[in-house]
Amino acid sequence: MTQPSDIDRAQAFEVERYKYLLQQLHAVNENVYRFLAIYQTLATALVGAALALFVKYDDWKIERGIAQIGVVAVLALVTVIAAFTVLLIVIGVLTWLDYRREECEFTEDVVRKGFRKAPDPRNFWRWYETYIVLFIVGSVGFMWLGAALVLLPAMS
């Protein structure tokens, strides 16, 4: 039985390290969609609750002022969830950039210089995470506008 040489072990380690880096990059990409799905689910349920409160507060014999506070409280909760989701997405982007930097350094050592170009953060407008964050921020803004201009005045 032959023992693997140090070169064979080093190459096997490099292959496994590269597989790990690619797996981590994939996981970070997938997490963004999970965060978006969680935000969409929670926001939909909570805004539905706020709308139900708006429509039924008289039938439920809830005072107008209390119902207004309830609508604002639900929107505040949606805002906190949105802020946390945006934070997780930003952290995911920073993590992705770090893994990509490590991947580029790795391929420069193992393959050749310039094999993999590092991502340029100035190209953020081409990243889908940018538009997901804009969607989340825009939807929260739309909810607050709707509450301020339609729901709360109609409850007065």
Protein backbone atom coordinates (compact mmCIF):
# COMPACT_ATOMS: atom_id res chain seq x y z
CA MET A 1 0.00 0.00 0.00
CA THR A 2 1.41 3.34 -1.00
CA GLN A 3 1.16 6.46 1.09
CA PRO A 4 -0.11 9.61 -0.63
CA SER A 5 2.58 12.17 -1.14
CA ASP A 6 2.49 15.61 0.42
CA ILE A 7 1.70 17.05 -3.02
CA ASP A 8 -1.32 14.75 -3.42
CA ARG A 9 -2.58 15.71 0.04
CA ALA A 10 -2.10 19.41 -0.69
CA GLN A 11 -3.97 19.11 -3.98
CA ALA A 12 -6.81 17.20 -2.31
CA PHE A 13 -6.99 19.88 0.37
CA GLU A 14 -7.07 22.63 -2.27
CA VAL A 15 -9.89 20.92 -4.14
CA GLU A 16 -11.92 20.51 -0.95
CA ARG A 17 -11.27 24.11 0.06
CA TYR A 18 -12.41 25.35 -3.34
CA LYS A 19 -15.56 23.20 -3.15
CA TYR A 20 -16.25 24.67 0.29
CA LEU A 21 -15.86 28.23 -0.99
CA LEU A 22 -18.23 27.56 -3.89
CA GLN A 23 -20.74 25.93 -1.54
CA GLN A 24 -20.63 28.94 0.79
CA LEU A 25 -21.14 31.34 -2.12
CA HIS A 26 -24.16 29.31 -3.20
CA ALA A 27 -25.57 29.25 0.34
CA VAL A 28 -25.22 33.02 0.69
CA ASN A 29 -27.05 33.51 -2.62
CA GLU A 30 -29.87 31.19 -1.53
CA ASN A 31 -30.27 32.94 1.83
CA VAL A 32 -31.35 36.18 0.15
CA TYR A 33 -34.40 34.46 -1.30
CA ARG A 34 -35.22 32.87 2.05
CA PHE A 35 -35.06 36.26 3.76
CA LEU A 36 -37.27 37.79 1.08
CA ALA A 37 -39.83 34.97 1.41
CA ILE A 38 -39.95 35.39 5.19
CA TYR A 39 -40.38 39.16 4.85
CA GLN A 40 -43.14 38.79 2.25
CA THR A 41 -45.01 36.23 4.34
CA LEU A 42 -44.83 38.20 7.58
CA ALA A 43 -45.59 41.54 5.91
CA THR A 44 -48.60 40.12 4.10
CA ALA A 45 -50.01 38.55 7.25
CA LEU A 46 -49.44 41.65 9.38
CA VAL A 47 -50.81 44.10 6.82
CA GLY A 48 -53.80 41.82 6.41
CA ALA A 49 -54.31 42.06 10.17
CA ALA A 50 -54.05 45.86 10.01
CA LEU A 51 -56.62 45.98 7.21
CA ALA A 52 -58.92 43.64 9.12
CA LEU A 53 -58.64 45.96 12.11
CA PHE A 54 -59.42 48.94 9.87
CA VAL A 55 -62.49 47.29 8.38
CA LYS A 56 -63.88 45.64 11.52
CA TYR A 57 -62.94 47.88 14.46
CA ASP A 58 -66.53 49.17 14.74
CA ASP A 59 -67.98 45.64 14.64
CA TRP A 60 -65.45 44.52 17.25
CA LYS A 61 -66.38 47.52 19.40
CA ILE A 62 -62.83 48.83 19.53
CA GLU A 63 -62.44 52.54 20.15
CA ARG A 64 -61.25 54.53 17.16
CA GLY A 65 -58.06 55.76 18.87
CA ILE A 66 -57.14 52.26 20.00
CA ALA A 67 -57.74 50.91 16.48
CA GLN A 68 -55.50 53.64 15.05
CA ILE A 69 -52.77 52.75 17.54
CA GLY A 70 -53.20 49.10 16.53
CA VAL A 71 -52.72 49.93 12.83
CA VAL A 72 -49.63 52.00 13.60
CA ALA A 73 -48.26 49.27 15.88
CA VAL A 74 -48.69 46.64 13.16
CA LEU A 75 -46.91 48.87 10.65
CA ALA A 76 -44.13 49.53 13.16
CA LEU A 77 -43.71 45.76 13.52
CA VAL A 78 -43.58 45.36 9.73
CA THR A 79 -40.93 48.11 9.65
CA VAL A 80 -38.82 46.31 12.26
CA ILE A 81 -39.09 43.06 10.30
CA ALA A 82 -38.15 44.89 7.09
CA ALA A 83 -35.15 46.55 8.76
CA PHE A 84 -33.95 43.20 10.08
CA THR A 85 -34.41 41.61 6.65
CA VAL A 86 -32.44 44.41 4.98
CA LEU A 87 -29.72 44.02 7.61
CA LEU A 88 -29.49 40.28 6.90
CA ILE A 89 -29.28 40.94 3.16
CA VAL A 90 -26.52 43.55 3.59
CA ILE A 91 -24.59 41.18 5.85
CA GLY A 92 -25.06 38.47 3.21
CA VAL A 93 -23.64 40.75 0.52
CA LEU A 94 -20.61 41.54 2.68
CA THR A 95 -20.14 37.83 3.37
CA TRP A 96 -20.44 37.04 -0.33
CA LEU A 97 -17.83 39.70 -1.16
CA ASP A 98 -15.49 38.19 1.43
CA TYR A 99 -15.90 34.66 0.06
CA ARG A 100 -15.40 35.93 -3.49
CA ARG A 101 -12.23 37.76 -2.42
CA GLU A 102 -10.98 34.54 -0.84
CA GLU A 103 -11.90 32.59 -3.97
CA CYS A 104 -9.97 35.04 -6.16
CA GLU A 105 -6.89 34.86 -3.93
CA PHE A 106 -7.15 31.07 -3.93
CA THR A 107 -7.40 30.77 -7.72
CA GLU A 108 -4.51 33.20 -8.18
CA ASP A 109 -2.32 30.91 -6.09
CA VAL A 110 -3.54 27.61 -7.52
CA VAL A 111 -4.47 28.34 -11.14
CA ARG A 112 -2.87 31.58 -12.35
CA LYS A 113 -2.84 35.30 -11.73
CA GLY A 114 -5.97 37.02 -12.98
CA PHE A 115 -7.92 33.75 -13.35
CA ARG A 116 -10.88 35.11 -11.41
CA LYS A 117 -11.58 38.82 -11.20
CA ALA A 118 -12.79 40.16 -7.85
CA PRO A 119 -16.27 41.71 -7.85
CA ASP A 120 -16.46 45.48 -7.94
CA PRO A 121 -18.82 46.90 -5.28
CA ARG A 122 -19.42 49.88 -7.58
CA ASN A 123 -21.48 47.51 -9.75
CA PHE A 124 -24.07 47.20 -6.97
CA TRP A 125 -26.78 48.32 -9.41
CA ARG A 126 -26.32 44.99 -11.24
CA TRP A 127 -26.85 42.87 -8.12
CA TYR A 128 -30.32 41.46 -7.49
CA GLU A 129 -29.86 42.13 -3.76
CA THR A 130 -29.99 45.85 -4.54
CA TYR A 131 -33.44 45.52 -6.04
CA ILE A 132 -34.69 43.25 -3.27
CA VAL A 133 -33.62 45.85 -0.69
CA LEU A 134 -35.26 48.59 -2.76
CA PHE A 135 -38.45 46.51 -2.95
CA ILE A 136 -38.51 46.03 0.81
CA VAL A 137 -37.84 49.69 1.57
CA GLY A 138 -40.36 50.78 -1.08
CA SER A 139 -43.07 48.43 0.15
CA VAL A 140 -42.66 49.66 3.73
CA GLY A 141 -42.81 53.25 2.50
CA PHE A 142 -45.94 52.45 0.51
CA MET A 143 -47.56 50.86 3.57
CA TRP A 144 -46.84 53.89 5.74
CA LEU A 145 -48.08 56.25 3.04
CA GLY A 146 -51.27 54.25 2.65
CA ALA A 147 -51.85 54.26 6.37
CA ALA A 148 -51.10 57.98 6.73
CA LEU A 149 -53.12 59.11 3.71
CA VAL A 150 -55.99 56.59 3.65
CA LEU A 151 -56.45 54.34 6.67
CA LEU A 152 -55.82 56.63 9.61
CA PRO A 153 -57.75 59.63 8.23
CA ALA A 154 -60.71 57.35 7.43
CA MET A 155 -60.70 56.16 11.04
CA SER A 156 -60.94 59.71 12.44
